């Protein structure tokens, strides 16, 4: 069974046991996360497609810990002024493992 969830403006296709990185920060004492925005549930029998969400469907995941995303380098430049500046950024993300898809 798999589901398509929406988190942080992105859609993720998940099955039980998958590890994904989401753009969300949680309190250190939280051990699990629940996703209510489930767009599709399929894999066993007829697929259930939401309009826009599947009613009563949730996906639960356990929190593995914070991780950093890839480094992104950006260059600022103004022509004929001698201005060059390099800036970098690493997004803080949260790694979670999907434990159950509840329909």
Protein backbone atom coordinates (compact mmCIF):
# COMPACT_ATOMS: atom_id res chain seq x y z
CA UNK A 1 0.00 0.00 0.00
CA UNK A 2 1.27 3.48 -0.80
CA UNK A 3 0.05 7.03 -0.31
CA UNK A 4 0.78 10.45 -1.71
CA UNK A 5 1.02 13.09 0.99
CA UNK A 6 1.51 16.83 0.83
CA UNK A 7 3.97 18.42 3.25
CA UNK A 8 5.60 21.82 3.04
CA UNK A 9 4.29 22.54 -0.47
CA UNK A 10 5.75 19.29 -1.84
CA UNK A 11 4.18 15.94 -2.61
CA UNK A 12 5.80 12.70 -1.44
CA UNK A 13 4.96 9.12 -2.46
CA UNK A 14 5.41 6.98 0.66
CA UNK A 15 5.03 3.35 1.67
CA UNK A 16 5.54 1.70 5.04
CA UNK A 17 9.20 1.85 6.09
CA UNK A 18 10.20 4.69 3.75
CA UNK A 19 12.52 7.40 5.05
CA UNK A 20 11.85 10.92 3.77
CA UNK A 21 13.14 14.39 4.57
CA UNK A 22 10.55 17.08 5.22
CA UNK A 23 10.84 20.81 5.68
CA UNK A 24 9.43 20.95 9.21
CA UNK A 25 10.92 21.37 12.67
CA UNK A 26 9.42 19.66 15.72
CA UNK A 27 10.07 19.85 19.43
CA UNK A 28 12.88 17.56 20.66
CA UNK A 29 10.48 15.52 22.83
CA UNK A 30 8.18 14.62 19.90
CA UNK A 31 8.70 11.04 18.74
CA UNK A 32 6.10 10.83 15.95
CA UNK A 33 4.50 13.02 13.29
CA UNK A 34 1.05 12.64 11.72
CA UNK A 35 0.30 13.83 8.18
CA UNK A 36 -3.38 14.63 7.57
CA UNK A 37 -3.00 15.96 4.02
CA UNK A 38 -3.28 12.63 2.15
CA UNK A 39 -4.05 13.07 -1.55
CA UNK A 40 -4.20 9.42 -2.68
CA UNK A 41 -4.16 5.94 -1.15
CA UNK A 42 -3.64 2.94 -3.44
CA UNK A 43 -2.02 -0.46 -3.66
CA UNK A 44 -4.77 -2.71 -2.29
CA UNK A 45 -7.99 -2.88 -4.27
CA UNK A 46 -9.44 0.25 -5.82
CA UNK A 47 -7.34 3.43 -5.38
CA UNK A 48 -8.91 6.19 -3.27
CA UNK A 49 -8.35 9.62 -4.77
CA UNK A 50 -9.15 12.67 -2.67
CA UNK A 51 -11.00 15.78 -3.80
CA UNK A 52 -8.61 17.31 -2.76
CA UNK A 53 -7.98 15.11 0.34
CA UNK A 54 -8.93 11.53 1.19
CA UNK A 55 -11.45 11.71 4.05
CA UNK A 56 -10.22 10.10 7.26
CA UNK A 57 -6.82 9.05 5.91
CA UNK A 58 -3.63 9.79 7.83
CA UNK A 59 0.01 8.76 7.62
CA UNK A 60 2.06 8.37 10.81
CA UNK A 61 5.85 8.52 10.95
CA UNK A 62 8.51 8.32 13.61
CA UNK A 63 11.04 11.14 13.94
CA UNK A 64 14.64 10.10 13.23
CA UNK A 65 16.20 13.51 13.80
CA UNK A 66 17.26 16.76 12.17
CA UNK A 67 19.46 16.76 9.06
CA UNK A 68 20.86 19.44 6.78
CA UNK A 69 19.92 19.67 3.13
CA UNK A 70 22.41 20.15 0.29
CA UNK A 71 24.50 23.32 0.17
CA UNK A 72 23.20 25.91 -2.26
CA UNK A 73 25.60 28.60 -3.47
CA UNK A 74 24.35 31.87 -4.94
CA UNK A 75 26.34 34.70 -6.52
CA UNK A 76 25.23 38.32 -6.36
CA UNK A 77 26.69 40.50 -9.09
CA UNK A 78 26.24 44.07 -10.32
CA UNK A 79 27.71 44.86 -13.68
CA UNK A 80 30.26 47.66 -14.09
CA UNK A 81 30.40 48.23 -10.32
CA UNK A 82 33.01 45.65 -9.27
CA UNK A 83 30.49 44.08 -6.89
CA UNK A 84 30.65 40.30 -6.46
CA UNK A 85 29.35 38.43 -3.46
CA UNK A 86 28.96 34.69 -2.88
CA UNK A 87 26.42 33.50 -0.34
CA UNK A 88 25.49 29.97 0.70
CA UNK A 89 22.57 28.27 2.40
CA UNK A 90 21.79 24.83 3.88
CA UNK A 91 18.15 24.17 4.71
CA UNK A 92 17.43 22.44 8.01
CA UNK A 93 15.19 19.42 7.42
CA UNK A 94 13.68 16.63 9.48
CA UNK A 95 14.22 12.97 8.66
CA UNK A 96 11.21 10.73 9.35
CA UNK A 97 10.40 7.03 8.78
CA UNK A 98 6.84 6.14 7.74
CA UNK A 99 5.35 3.59 10.12
CA UNK A 100 1.68 3.29 9.04
CA UNK A 101 -0.84 4.42 6.45
CA UNK A 102 -4.28 4.66 8.10
CA UNK A 103 -7.38 4.73 5.92
